[in-house]
Amino acid sequence: MTRPLTTCPGVKLSHHDGDCSFETILRRFQLDDPVLWKIAEIIHEAGLEDERFDAPEAPGLDVALRGLSMVCADDEILPHTGPLLDGLYEYYRRATLLGREPA
């Protein structure tokens, strides 16, 4: 099921042209790190579920983030999501270096 695209008129770092906000940020700041783009695919699918990318991790990330939003106030979520996303980055960075999933 595709979720409706949430946009904020006049906001430059929102959803644009089918991209999620994270993809928009990467494009806007011309970040070409392949690990960030891998994470962007997961975030895109977790948020939009439009099947643009094959990201089997997306449903798990979606459930984890939704669960956090149920037990944390908005200002409490960032301290939890920061390490989670840092861990994803490190996992895919190592996978890129090794050419396989890290142990």
C-alpha atoms as a PDB file:
ATOM      1  CA  MET A   1       0.000   0.000   0.000  1.00  0.00           C
ATOM      2  CA  THR A   2       1.419   3.351  -0.982  1.00  0.00           C
ATOM      3  CA  ARG A   3       1.167   6.048   1.653  1.00  0.00           C
ATOM      4  CA  PRO A   4       0.123   9.499   0.506  1.00  0.00           C
ATOM      5  CA  LEU A   5       3.034  11.780  -0.264  1.00  0.00           C
ATOM      6  CA  THR A   6       3.371  14.345   2.495  1.00  0.00           C
ATOM      7  CA  THR A   7       4.664  17.668   1.296  1.00  0.00           C
ATOM      8  CA  CYS A   8       5.029  21.004   2.954  1.00  0.00           C
ATOM      9  CA  PRO A   9       4.515  23.808   0.455  1.00  0.00           C
ATOM     10  CA  GLY A  10       7.514  26.129   0.320  1.00  0.00           C
ATOM     11  CA  VAL A  11       9.767  23.736   2.228  1.00  0.00           C
ATOM     12  CA  LYS A  12      12.881  22.924   0.209  1.00  0.00           C
ATOM     13  CA  LEU A  13      13.862  19.771   2.105  1.00  0.00           C
ATOM     14  CA  SER A  14      10.543  17.944   1.906  1.00  0.00           C
ATOM     15  CA  HIS A  15       9.304  15.268  -0.486  1.00  0.00           C
ATOM     16  CA  HIS A  16       9.983  16.268  -4.105  1.00  0.00           C
ATOM     17  CA  ASP A  17       9.490  14.472  -7.414  1.00  0.00           C
ATOM     18  CA  GLY A  18       8.747  11.136  -5.750  1.00  0.00           C
ATOM     19  CA  ASP A  19      11.730  11.354  -3.399  1.00  0.00           C
ATOM     20  CA  CYS A  20      11.442  11.199   0.368  1.00  0.00           C
ATOM     21  CA  SER A  21      12.888  14.039   2.436  1.00  0.00           C
ATOM     22  CA  PHE A  22      16.136  12.155   3.052  1.00  0.00           C
ATOM     23  CA  GLU A  23      16.714  11.727  -0.687  1.00  0.00           C
ATOM     24  CA  THR A  24      15.912  15.405  -1.176  1.00  0.00           C
ATOM     25  CA  ILE A  25      18.542  16.333   1.417  1.00  0.00           C
ATOM     26  CA  LEU A  26      21.166  14.123  -0.261  1.00  0.00           C
ATOM     27  CA  ARG A  27      20.421  15.670  -3.650  1.00  0.00           C
ATOM     28  CA  ARG A  28      20.260  19.253  -2.333  1.00  0.00           C
ATOM     29  CA  PHE A  29      23.664  18.988  -0.675  1.00  0.00           C
ATOM     30  CA  GLN A  30      25.117  16.864  -3.500  1.00  0.00           C
ATOM     31  CA  LEU A  31      26.062  14.006  -1.172  1.00  0.00           C
ATOM     32  CA  ASP A  32      27.206  11.077  -3.291  1.00  0.00           C
ATOM     33  CA  ASP A  33      28.184   8.636  -0.530  1.00  0.00           C
ATOM     34  CA  PRO A  34      26.832   5.239  -1.722  1.00  0.00           C
ATOM     35  CA  VAL A  35      26.192   4.185   1.871  1.00  0.00           C
ATOM     36  CA  LEU A  36      23.932   7.197   2.459  1.00  0.00           C
ATOM     37  CA  TRP A  37      22.088   6.382  -0.761  1.00  0.00           C
ATOM     38  CA  LYS A  38      21.583   2.757   0.388  1.00  0.00           C
ATOM     39  CA  ILE A  39      20.076   4.067   3.620  1.00  0.00           C
ATOM     40  CA  ALA A  40      17.967   6.495   1.584  1.00  0.00           C
ATOM     41  CA  GLU A  41      16.464   3.538  -0.298  1.00  0.00           C
ATOM     42  CA  ILE A  42      15.502   1.892   3.002  1.00  0.00           C
ATOM     43  CA  ILE A  43      14.065   5.114   4.421  1.00  0.00           C
ATOM     44  CA  HIS A  44      12.187   5.761   1.170  1.00  0.00           C
ATOM     45  CA  GLU A  45      10.536   2.350   1.222  1.00  0.00           C
ATOM     46  CA  ALA A  46       9.822   2.529   4.955  1.00  0.00           C
ATOM     47  CA  GLY A  47       8.057   5.842   4.527  1.00  0.00           C
ATOM     48  CA  LEU A  48       6.486   5.647   1.080  1.00  0.00           C
ATOM     49  CA  GLU A  49       6.082   1.911   0.402  1.00  0.00           C
ATOM     50  CA  ASP A  50       5.909   2.573  -3.345  1.00  0.00           C
ATOM     51  CA  GLU A  51       8.198  -0.359  -4.209  1.00  0.00           C
ATOM     52  CA  ARG A  52      10.654   1.927  -6.032  1.00  0.00           C
ATOM     53  CA  PHE A  53      13.510   0.090  -4.315  1.00  0.00           C
ATOM     54  CA  ASP A  54      14.106  -3.479  -3.221  1.00  0.00           C
ATOM     55  CA  ALA A  55      14.679  -2.732   0.450  1.00  0.00           C
ATOM     56  CA  PRO A  56      13.675  -5.729   2.584  1.00  0.00           C
ATOM     57  CA  GLU A  57      14.906  -3.864   5.677  1.00  0.00           C
ATOM     58  CA  ALA A  58      12.253  -1.152   5.243  1.00  0.00           C
ATOM     59  CA  PRO A  59       9.343  -2.805   7.082  1.00  0.00           C
ATOM     60  CA  GLY A  60      11.538  -3.476  10.124  1.00  0.00           C
ATOM     61  CA  LEU A  61      12.810   0.085  10.210  1.00  0.00           C
ATOM     62  CA  ASP A  62       9.253   1.368   9.815  1.00  0.00           C
ATOM     63  CA  VAL A  63       8.004  -0.731  12.751  1.00  0.00           C
ATOM     64  CA  ALA A  64      10.954   0.296  14.949  1.00  0.00           C
ATOM     65  CA  LEU A  65      10.454   4.000  14.251  1.00  0.00           C
ATOM     66  CA  ARG A  66       6.673   3.812  14.656  1.00  0.00           C
ATOM     67  CA  GLY A  67       7.151   1.952  17.946  1.00  0.00           C
ATOM     68  CA  LEU A  68       9.494   4.663  19.206  1.00  0.00           C
ATOM     69  CA  SER A  69       6.925   7.296  18.307  1.00  0.00           C
ATOM     70  CA  MET A  70       4.417   5.458  20.495  1.00  0.00           C
ATOM     71  CA  VAL A  71       6.576   5.512  23.615  1.00  0.00           C
ATOM     72  CA  CYS A  72       8.628   8.697  23.167  1.00  0.00           C
ATOM     73  CA  ALA A  73       7.734  12.334  22.790  1.00  0.00           C
ATOM     74  CA  ASP A  74       9.020  13.913  19.566  1.00  0.00           C
ATOM     75  CA  ASP A  75      11.968  15.544  21.333  1.00  0.00           C
ATOM     76  CA  GLU A  76      12.955  12.192  22.882  1.00  0.00           C
ATOM     77  CA  ILE A  77      13.131  10.246  19.614  1.00  0.00           C
ATOM     78  CA  LEU A  78      16.351  11.712  18.205  1.00  0.00           C
ATOM     79  CA  PRO A  79      18.615  10.297  20.953  1.00  0.00           C
ATOM     80  CA  HIS A  80      17.289   6.828  20.005  1.00  0.00           C
ATOM     81  CA  THR A  81      17.234   7.150  16.233  1.00  0.00           C
ATOM     82  CA  GLY A  82      20.714   8.643  15.997  1.00  0.00           C
ATOM     83  CA  PRO A  83      22.507   5.465  17.133  1.00  0.00           C
ATOM     84  CA  LEU A  84      20.153   3.304  15.086  1.00  0.00           C
ATOM     85  CA  LEU A  85      20.937   5.199  11.883  1.00  0.00           C
ATOM     86  CA  ASP A  86      24.640   5.378  12.781  1.00  0.00           C
ATOM     87  CA  GLY A  87      24.551   1.588  13.146  1.00  0.00           C
ATOM     88  CA  LEU A  88      22.887   1.193   9.753  1.00  0.00           C
ATOM     89  CA  TYR A  89      25.531   3.431   8.224  1.00  0.00           C
ATOM     90  CA  GLU A  90      28.381   1.427   9.763  1.00  0.00           C
ATOM     91  CA  TYR A  91      26.824  -1.895   8.744  1.00  0.00           C
ATOM     92  CA  TYR A  92      26.472  -0.848   5.094  1.00  0.00           C
ATOM     93  CA  ARG A  93      29.856   0.890   5.085  1.00  0.00           C
ATOM     94  CA  ARG A  94      31.497  -2.360   6.144  1.00  0.00           C
ATOM     95  CA  ALA A  95      29.411  -4.344   3.664  1.00  0.00           C
ATOM     96  CA  THR A  96      30.603  -2.032   0.892  1.00  0.00           C
ATOM     97  CA  LEU A  97      34.239  -2.451   1.933  1.00  0.00           C
ATOM     98  CA  LEU A  98      33.974  -6.220   2.291  1.00  0.00           C
ATOM     99  CA  GLY A  99      31.764  -6.823  -0.740  1.00  0.00           C
ATOM    100  CA  ARG A 100      29.436  -8.914   1.435  1.00  0.00           C
ATOM    101  CA  GLU A 101      27.357  -8.623   4.586  1.00  0.00           C
ATOM    102  CA  PRO A 102      29.616  -8.065   7.615  1.00  0.00           C
ATOM    103  CA  ALA A 103      29.745 -10.728  10.306  1.00  0.00           C
END
